[in-house]
Structure formats: C-alpha cells, structure tokens
PDB file of N, CA and C in Angstrom:
ATOM      1  N   MET A   1      14.517  -7.525 -10.592  1.00  0.00           N
ATOM      2  CA  MET A   1      13.262  -7.805  -9.728  1.00  0.00           C
ATOM      3  C   MET A   1      11.996  -8.240 -10.394  1.00  0.00           C
ATOM      4  N   PRO A   2      11.391  -9.094 -10.046  1.00  0.00           N
ATOM      5  CA  PRO A   2      10.128  -9.487 -10.838  1.00  0.00           C
ATOM      6  C   PRO A   2       9.116  -8.433 -10.592  1.00  0.00           C
ATOM      7  N   THR A   3       8.254  -8.276 -11.568  1.00  0.00           N
ATOM      8  CA  THR A   3       7.003  -7.277 -11.384  1.00  0.00           C
ATOM      9  C   THR A   3       5.847  -7.999 -11.783  1.00  0.00           C
ATOM     10  N   ARG A   4       4.658  -7.558 -11.151  1.00  0.00           N
ATOM     11  CA  ARG A   4       3.429  -8.012 -11.288  1.00  0.00           C
ATOM     12  C   ARG A   4       2.546  -6.912 -11.404  1.00  0.00           C
ATOM     13  N   THR A   5       1.525  -6.879 -12.485  1.00  0.00           N
ATOM     14  CA  THR A   5       0.478  -5.889 -12.499  1.00  0.00           C
ATOM     15  C   THR A   5      -0.699  -6.434 -12.223  1.00  0.00           C
ATOM     16  N   GLY A   6      -1.552  -5.664 -11.505  1.00  0.00           N
ATOM     17  CA  GLY A   6      -2.928  -6.162 -11.185  1.00  0.00           C
ATOM     18  C   GLY A   6      -4.018  -5.113 -11.362  1.00  0.00           C
ATOM     19  N   GLN A   7      -5.152  -5.569 -11.381  1.00  0.00           N
ATOM     20  CA  GLN A   7      -6.284  -4.644 -11.405  1.00  0.00           C
ATOM     21  C   GLN A   7      -7.406  -5.142 -10.759  1.00  0.00           C
ATOM     22  N   ALA A   8      -8.001  -4.375  -9.750  1.00  0.00           N
ATOM     23  CA  ALA A   8      -8.959  -4.775  -8.866  1.00  0.00           C
ATOM     24  C   ALA A   8      -9.832  -3.573  -8.674  1.00  0.00           C
ATOM     25  N   THR A   9     -11.161  -3.518  -8.755  1.00  0.00           N
ATOM     26  CA  THR A   9     -12.061  -2.616  -8.502  1.00  0.00           C
ATOM     27  C   THR A   9     -11.619  -1.246  -9.114  1.00  0.00           C
ATOM     28  N   GLY A  10     -11.228  -1.238 -10.420  1.00  0.00           N
ATOM     29  CA  GLY A  10     -10.791   0.074 -11.029  1.00  0.00           C
ATOM     30  C   GLY A  10      -9.350   0.496 -10.586  1.00  0.00           C
ATOM     31  N   LEU A  11      -8.789  -0.309  -9.899  1.00  0.00           N
ATOM     32  CA  LEU A  11      -7.352   0.171  -9.229  1.00  0.00           C
ATOM     33  C   LEU A  11      -6.299  -0.712 -10.147  1.00  0.00           C
ATOM     34  N   SER A  12      -5.439   0.193 -10.781  1.00  0.00           N
ATOM     35  CA  SER A  12      -4.220  -0.503 -11.380  1.00  0.00           C
ATOM     36  C   SER A  12      -3.081  -0.436 -10.444  1.00  0.00           C
ATOM     37  N   ALA A  13      -2.129  -1.346 -10.403  1.00  0.00           N
ATOM     38  CA  ALA A  13      -1.094  -1.402  -9.563  1.00  0.00           C
ATOM     39  C   ALA A  13       0.141  -2.171 -10.082  1.00  0.00           C
ATOM     40  N   LEU A  14       1.312  -1.484 -10.030  1.00  0.00           N
ATOM     41  CA  LEU A  14       2.594  -2.219 -10.432  1.00  0.00           C
ATOM     42  C   LEU A  14       3.189  -2.589  -8.961  1.00  0.00           C
ATOM     43  N   VAL A  15       3.541  -3.767  -8.800  1.00  0.00           N
ATOM     44  CA  VAL A  15       4.188  -4.220  -7.509  1.00  0.00           C
ATOM     45  C   VAL A  15       5.464  -4.765  -7.855  1.00  0.00           C
ATOM     46  N   ILE A  16       6.568  -4.237  -7.253  1.00  0.00           N
ATOM     47  CA  ILE A  16       7.835  -4.778  -7.534  1.00  0.00           C
ATOM     48  C   ILE A  16       8.321  -5.498  -6.305  1.00  0.00           C
ATOM     49  N   TRP A  17       8.523  -6.823  -6.459  1.00  0.00           N
ATOM     50  CA  TRP A  17       9.002  -7.612  -5.155  1.00  0.00           C
ATOM     51  C   TRP A  17      10.492  -7.825  -5.212  1.00  0.00           C
ATOM     52  N   PRO A  18      11.152  -7.734  -4.031  1.00  0.00           N
ATOM     53  CA  PRO A  18      12.688  -8.155  -4.027  1.00  0.00           C
ATOM     54  C   PRO A  18      12.735  -9.687  -4.409  1.00  0.00           C
ATOM     55  N   THR A  19      13.774 -10.094  -4.936  1.00  0.00           N
ATOM     56  CA  THR A  19      13.992 -11.424  -5.066  1.00  0.00           C
ATOM     57  C   THR A  19      14.795 -12.022  -3.973  1.00  0.00           C
ATOM     58  N   GLY A  20      14.599 -13.342  -3.833  1.00  0.00           N
ATOM     59  CA  GLY A  20      15.305 -14.123  -2.730  1.00  0.00           C
ATOM     60  C   GLY A  20      14.579 -13.961  -1.437  1.00  0.00           C
ATOM     61  N   ARG A  21      15.126 -14.619  -0.432  1.00  0.00           N
ATOM     62  CA  ARG A  21      14.524 -14.552   0.918  1.00  0.00           C
ATOM     63  C   ARG A  21      15.090 -13.460   1.705  1.00  0.00           C
ATOM     64  N   HIS A  22      14.338 -12.998   2.705  1.00  0.00           N
ATOM     65  CA  HIS A  22      14.817 -11.995   3.496  1.00  0.00           C
ATOM     66  C   HIS A  22      14.478 -12.386   5.014  1.00  0.00           C
ATOM     67  N   ASN A  23      15.276 -12.048   5.939  1.00  0.00           N
ATOM     68  CA  ASN A  23      15.099 -12.139   7.338  1.00  0.00           C
ATOM     69  C   ASN A  23      14.561 -10.971   7.988  1.00  0.00           C
ATOM     70  N   ARG A  24      14.375  -9.924   7.348  1.00  0.00           N
ATOM     71  CA  ARG A  24      14.184  -8.724   8.266  1.00  0.00           C
ATOM     72  C   ARG A  24      12.499  -8.488   7.907  1.00  0.00           C
ATOM     73  N   THR A  25      11.968  -7.725   8.716  1.00  0.00           N
ATOM     74  CA  THR A  25      10.593  -7.328   8.699  1.00  0.00           C
ATOM     75  C   THR A  25      10.545  -6.177   7.640  1.00  0.00           C
ATOM     76  N   ILE A  26       9.746  -6.250   6.738  1.00  0.00           N
ATOM     77  CA  ILE A  26       9.507  -5.164   5.690  1.00  0.00           C
ATOM     78  C   ILE A  26       8.211  -4.335   6.088  1.00  0.00           C
ATOM     79  N   ASN A  27       8.329  -3.122   6.474  1.00  0.00           N
ATOM     80  CA  ASN A  27       7.131  -2.421   6.921  1.00  0.00           C
ATOM     81  C   ASN A  27       6.806  -1.481   5.820  1.00  0.00           C
ATOM     82  N   VAL A  28       5.475  -1.468   5.488  1.00  0.00           N
ATOM     83  CA  VAL A  28       5.018  -0.700   4.317  1.00  0.00           C
ATOM     84  C   VAL A  28       3.912   0.181   4.720  1.00  0.00           C
ATOM     85  N   LEU A  29       3.946   1.270   4.447  1.00  0.00           N
ATOM     86  CA  LEU A  29       2.931   2.246   4.490  1.00  0.00           C
ATOM     87  C   LEU A  29       1.917   2.325   3.496  1.00  0.00           C
ATOM     88  N   VAL A  30       0.654   2.120   3.760  1.00  0.00           N
ATOM     89  CA  VAL A  30      -0.388   2.256   2.760  1.00  0.00           C
ATOM     90  C   VAL A  30      -1.181   3.529   3.206  1.00  0.00           C
ATOM     91  N   SER A  31      -0.965   4.552   2.454  1.00  0.00           N
ATOM     92  CA  SER A  31      -1.588   5.840   2.847  1.00  0.00           C
ATOM     93  C   SER A  31      -2.576   6.379   1.917  1.00  0.00           C
ATOM     94  N   TYR A  32      -3.564   6.950   2.420  1.00  0.00           N
ATOM     95  CA  TYR A  32      -4.739   7.394   1.545  1.00  0.00           C
ATOM     96  C   TYR A  32      -5.296   8.704   1.708  1.00  0.00           C
ATOM     97  N   ALA A  33      -5.921   9.390   0.800  1.00  0.00           N
ATOM     98  CA  ALA A  33      -6.766  10.645   0.903  1.00  0.00           C
ATOM     99  C   ALA A  33      -8.060  10.172   0.392  1.00  0.00           C
ATOM    100  N   THR A  34      -9.207  10.398   1.092  1.00  0.00           N
ATOM    101  CA  THR A  34     -10.381  10.094   0.533  1.00  0.00           C
ATOM    102  C   THR A  34     -11.400  11.137   0.875  1.00  0.00           C
ATOM    103  N   ALA A  35     -12.551  11.250  -0.090  1.00  0.00           N
ATOM    104  CA  ALA A  35     -13.391  12.182   0.166  1.00  0.00           C
ATOM    105  C   ALA A  35     -14.806  11.489   0.883  1.00  0.00           C
ATOM    106  N   HIS A  36     -14.977  10.228   0.355  1.00  0.00           N
ATOM    107  CA  HIS A  36     -16.246   9.565   0.787  1.00  0.00           C
ATOM    108  C   HIS A  36     -16.065   8.162   1.292  1.00  0.00           C
ATOM    109  N   GLY A  37     -14.681   7.741   1.583  1.00  0.00           N
ATOM    110  CA  GLY A  37     -14.382   6.549   2.194  1.00  0.00           C
ATOM    111  C   GLY A  37     -14.094   5.485   1.290  1.00  0.00           C
ATOM    112  N   SER A  38     -14.246   5.472   0.053  1.00  0.00           N
ATOM    113  CA  SER A  38     -13.964   4.291  -0.960  1.00  0.00           C
ATOM    114  C   SER A  38     -12.431   3.996  -0.930  1.00  0.00           C
ATOM    115  N   THR A  39     -11.574   5.104  -1.075  1.00  0.00           N
ATOM    116  CA  THR A  39     -10.093   4.978  -1.171  1.00  0.00           C
ATOM    117  C   THR A  39      -9.546   4.468   0.101  1.00  0.00           C
ATOM    118  N   LYS A  40     -10.159   4.699   1.272  1.00  0.00           N
ATOM    119  CA  LYS A  40      -9.754   3.892   2.517  1.00  0.00           C
ATOM    120  C   LYS A  40     -10.059   2.509   2.368  1.00  0.00           C
ATOM    121  N   GLN A  41     -11.191   2.167   1.813  1.00  0.00           N
ATOM    122  CA  GLN A  41     -11.540   0.664   1.756  1.00  0.00           C
ATOM    123  C   GLN A  41     -10.444   0.082   0.776  1.00  0.00           C
ATOM    124  N   VAL A  42     -10.035   0.654  -0.432  1.00  0.00           N
ATOM    125  CA  VAL A  42      -9.109   0.141  -1.282  1.00  0.00           C
ATOM    126  C   VAL A  42      -7.730   0.015  -0.526  1.00  0.00           C
ATOM    127  N   ALA A  43      -7.317   1.050   0.256  1.00  0.00           N
ATOM    128  CA  ALA A  43      -6.149   0.939   0.984  1.00  0.00           C
ATOM    129  C   ALA A  43      -6.119  -0.163   1.956  1.00  0.00           C
ATOM    130  N   GLU A  44      -7.149  -0.516   2.578  1.00  0.00           N
ATOM    131  CA  GLU A  44      -7.350  -1.600   3.588  1.00  0.00           C
ATOM    132  C   GLU A  44      -7.347  -2.847   2.870  1.00  0.00           C
ATOM    133  N   ALA A  45      -7.841  -2.900   1.785  1.00  0.00           N
ATOM    134  CA  ALA A  45      -7.824  -4.260   0.782  1.00  0.00           C
ATOM    135  C   ALA A  45      -6.221  -4.523   0.338  1.00  0.00           C
ATOM    136  N   ILE A  46      -5.650  -3.488   0.009  1.00  0.00           N
ATOM    137  CA  ILE A  46      -4.106  -3.599  -0.389  1.00  0.00           C
ATOM    138  C   ILE A  46      -3.276  -4.127   0.909  1.00  0.00           C
ATOM    139  N   ALA A  47      -3.691  -3.410   1.979  1.00  0.00           N
ATOM    140  CA  ALA A  47      -2.869  -3.774   3.231  1.00  0.00           C
ATOM    141  C   ALA A  47      -3.121  -5.416   3.403  1.00  0.00           C
ATOM    142  N   GLU A  48      -4.306  -5.853   3.377  1.00  0.00           N
ATOM    143  CA  GLU A  48      -4.539  -7.083   3.632  1.00  0.00           C
ATOM    144  C   GLU A  48      -3.711  -8.151   2.755  1.00  0.00           C
ATOM    145  N   ARG A  49      -3.574  -7.815   1.423  1.00  0.00           N
ATOM    146  CA  ARG A  49      -2.769  -8.508   0.496  1.00  0.00           C
ATOM    147  C   ARG A  49      -1.469  -8.453   0.899  1.00  0.00           C
ATOM    148  N   MET A  50      -0.894  -7.389   1.238  1.00  0.00           N
ATOM    149  CA  MET A  50       0.362  -7.200   1.680  1.00  0.00           C
ATOM    150  C   MET A  50       0.691  -8.165   2.906  1.00  0.00           C
ATOM    151  N   ARG A  51      -0.112  -8.178   3.953  1.00  0.00           N
ATOM    152  CA  ARG A  51       0.015  -8.825   5.169  1.00  0.00           C
ATOM    153  C   ARG A  51       0.043 -10.339   4.899  1.00  0.00           C
ATOM    154  N   ALA A  52      -0.862 -10.815   3.831  1.00  0.00           N
ATOM    155  CA  ALA A  52      -0.868 -12.156   3.188  1.00  0.00           C
ATOM    156  C   ALA A  52       0.430 -12.642   2.751  1.00  0.00           C
ATOM    157  N   ALA A  53       1.141 -11.584   2.200  1.00  0.00           N
ATOM    158  CA  ALA A  53       2.654 -11.766   1.773  1.00  0.00           C
ATOM    159  C   ALA A  53       3.644 -11.747   2.944  1.00  0.00           C
ATOM    160  N   ASN A  54       3.141 -11.836   4.168  1.00  0.00           N
ATOM    161  CA  ASN A  54       4.074 -11.505   5.300  1.00  0.00           C
ATOM    162  C   ASN A  54       4.868 -10.358   5.212  1.00  0.00           C
ATOM    163  N   LEU A  55       4.232  -9.227   4.992  1.00  0.00           N
ATOM    164  CA  LEU A  55       4.806  -7.869   5.189  1.00  0.00           C
ATOM    165  C   LEU A  55       3.879  -7.263   6.130  1.00  0.00           C
ATOM    166  N   VAL A  56       4.487  -6.188   6.795  1.00  0.00           N
ATOM    167  CA  VAL A  56       3.859  -5.525   7.846  1.00  0.00           C
ATOM    168  C   VAL A  56       3.275  -4.232   7.072  1.00  0.00           C
ATOM    169  N   ALA A  57       1.878  -3.978   7.069  1.00  0.00           N
ATOM    170  CA  ALA A  57       1.230  -2.964   6.336  1.00  0.00           C
ATOM    171  C   ALA A  57       0.448  -2.057   7.436  1.00  0.00           C
ATOM    172  N   ASP A  58       0.725  -0.812   7.333  1.00  0.00           N
ATOM    173  CA  ASP A  58       0.016   0.170   8.253  1.00  0.00           C
ATOM    174  C   ASP A  58      -0.701   0.981   7.260  1.00  0.00           C
ATOM    175  N   VAL A  59      -2.053   1.088   7.594  1.00  0.00           N
ATOM    176  CA  VAL A  59      -2.879   1.785   6.660  1.00  0.00           C
ATOM    177  C   VAL A  59      -3.193   3.141   7.534  1.00  0.00           C
ATOM    178  N   ARG A  60      -2.800   4.240   6.976  1.00  0.00           N
ATOM    179  CA  ARG A  60      -2.815   5.694   7.560  1.00  0.00           C
ATOM    180  C   ARG A  60      -3.536   6.638   6.598  1.00  0.00           C
ATOM    181  N   ALA A  61      -4.329   7.440   7.146  1.00  0.00           N
ATOM    182  CA  ALA A  61      -4.698   8.670   6.201  1.00  0.00           C
ATOM    183  C   ALA A  61      -3.539   9.525   6.057  1.00  0.00           C
ATOM    184  N   ALA A  62      -3.458  10.225   4.980  1.00  0.00           N
ATOM    185  CA  ALA A  62      -2.222  10.922   4.557  1.00  0.00           C
ATOM    186  C   ALA A  62      -2.061  12.059   5.471  1.00  0.00           C
ATOM    187  N   ASP A  63      -3.120  12.686   6.091  1.00  0.00           N
ATOM    188  CA  ASP A  63      -2.870  13.760   7.031  1.00  0.00           C
ATOM    189  C   ASP A  63      -2.405  13.183   8.309  1.00  0.00           C
ATOM    190  N   ASP A  64      -2.311  11.998   8.647  1.00  0.00           N
ATOM    191  CA  ASP A  64      -1.997  11.475   9.900  1.00  0.00           C
ATOM    192  C   ASP A  64      -0.498  10.874   9.743  1.00  0.00           C
ATOM    193  N   VAL A  65       0.140  11.016   8.599  1.00  0.00           N
ATOM    194  CA  VAL A  65       1.540  10.602   8.387  1.00  0.00           C
ATOM    195  C   VAL A  65       2.408  11.772   8.545  1.00  0.00           C
ATOM    196  N   ALA A  66       3.052  11.733   9.631  1.00  0.00           N
ATOM    197  CA  ALA A  66       4.056  12.952   9.952  1.00  0.00           C
ATOM    198  C   ALA A  66       5.557  12.633   9.263  1.00  0.00           C
ATOM    199  N   ASP A  67       5.939  11.390   9.610  1.00  0.00           N
ATOM    200  CA  ASP A  67       7.340  11.049   9.137  1.00  0.00           C
ATOM    201  C   ASP A  67       7.320   9.425   8.537  1.00  0.00           C
ATOM    202  N   PRO A  68       7.376   9.420   7.319  1.00  0.00           N
ATOM    203  CA  PRO A  68       7.428   8.007   6.662  1.00  0.00           C
ATOM    204  C   PRO A  68       8.659   7.218   6.518  1.00  0.00           C
ATOM    205  N   SER A  69       9.717   7.908   7.264  1.00  0.00           N
ATOM    206  CA  SER A  69      11.070   7.333   7.105  1.00  0.00           C
ATOM    207  C   SER A  69      11.205   5.811   7.733  1.00  0.00           C
ATOM    208  N   SER A  70      10.308   5.558   8.629  1.00  0.00           N
ATOM    209  CA  SER A  70      10.466   4.294   9.179  1.00  0.00           C
ATOM    210  C   SER A  70       9.914   3.042   8.439  1.00  0.00           C
ATOM    211  N   TYR A  71       9.407   3.419   7.236  1.00  0.00           N
ATOM    212  CA  TYR A  71       8.805   2.424   6.167  1.00  0.00           C
ATOM    213  C   TYR A  71       9.767   2.055   5.206  1.00  0.00           C
ATOM    214  N   ALA A  72       9.891   0.933   4.619  1.00  0.00           N
ATOM    215  CA  ALA A  72      10.802   0.515   3.644  1.00  0.00           C
ATOM    216  C   ALA A  72      10.061   0.870   2.317  1.00  0.00           C
ATOM    217  N   ALA A  73       8.792   1.017   2.274  1.00  0.00           N
ATOM    218  CA  ALA A  73       8.028   1.217   1.058  1.00  0.00           C
ATOM    219  C   ALA A  73       6.757   2.026   1.411  1.00  0.00           C
ATOM    220  N   ALA A  74       6.303   2.767   0.435  1.00  0.00           N
ATOM    221  CA  ALA A  74       4.961   3.341   0.713  1.00  0.00           C
ATOM    222  C   ALA A  74       4.077   3.176  -0.553  1.00  0.00           C
ATOM    223  N   ILE A  75       2.797   3.120  -0.274  1.00  0.00           N
ATOM    224  CA  ILE A  75       1.817   3.040  -1.292  1.00  0.00           C
ATOM    225  C   ILE A  75       0.747   4.253  -0.962  1.00  0.00           C
ATOM    226  N   LEU A  76       0.675   5.103  -2.051  1.00  0.00           N
ATOM    227  CA  LEU A  76      -0.295   6.330  -1.827  1.00  0.00           C
ATOM    228  C   LEU A  76      -1.366   6.271  -2.809  1.00  0.00           C
ATOM    229  N   GLY A  77      -2.638   6.541  -2.192  1.00  0.00           N
ATOM    230  CA  GLY A  77      -3.817   6.587  -2.960  1.00  0.00           C
ATOM    231  C   GLY A  77      -4.748   7.653  -2.690  1.00  0.00           C
ATOM    232  N   SER A  78      -5.273   8.144  -3.674  1.00  0.00           N
ATOM    233  CA  SER A  78      -6.378   9.124  -3.475  1.00  0.00           C
ATOM    234  C   SER A  78      -7.490   9.057  -4.528  1.00  0.00           C
ATOM    235  N   ALA A  79      -8.409   9.773  -4.217  1.00  0.00           N
ATOM    236  CA  ALA A  79      -9.681   9.726  -5.015  1.00  0.00           C
ATOM    237  C   ALA A  79      -9.478  10.570  -6.313  1.00  0.00           C
ATOM    238  N   VAL A  80     -10.186  10.264  -7.248  1.00  0.00           N
ATOM    239  CA  VAL A  80     -10.000  11.108  -8.401  1.00  0.00           C
ATOM    240  C   VAL A  80     -11.358  11.568  -8.860  1.00  0.00           C
ATOM    241  N   HIS A  81     -11.667  12.861  -8.779  1.00  0.00           N
ATOM    242  CA  HIS A  81     -12.940  13.431  -9.072  1.00  0.00           C
ATOM    243  C   HIS A  81     -12.897  14.310 -10.274  1.00  0.00           C
ATOM    244  N   ASN A  82     -13.997  14.229 -10.986  1.00  0.00           N
ATOM    245  CA  ASN A  82     -13.944  15.286 -12.308  1.00  0.00           C
ATOM    246  C   ASN A  82     -14.649  16.639 -11.824  1.00  0.00           C
TER     247      ASN A  82
END
C-alpha cells in the first residue's frame, strides 16, 4: 500500500491508502477530544481532505462515539498539554 506523510499546523499524520479502485463507500470516523476547540478544528480540516478524496468522513467528539464498528477506518486526535 502506498503511504504518504504530511504535516499541517503542527499535526503529523501517516496516511495509508488502499491501492486500486474500489466501488464501495469507505466510511471514516474522525474523532477528537479537545479542551479549547483547536483539536476539533484540526479534525474538521482532516475530514474535509478525506471528503475531497471521495471518502465519507464523520467528525465526532470522542464522548459521542458509542460504537465505531460501522467505520472502515478511524482517526483519533486529542490535545496535548504540559
């Protein structure tokens, strides 16, 4: 599988994309925990990029995710404080 790394606004990510074409909808959960709202903004930006790649991306607060089993993939983000 091809991989790509990226960095935006202090966020590093490793993205692994399946090769070939697919006919099924790929649902991705972008879940976050945030103290002041910044991580939510990053999650929304990630979801926008996923949608631009023809994926279905749902942005949800971690506390609002009861069962992630309906998603093919999940991206989790949280704030880091010292």
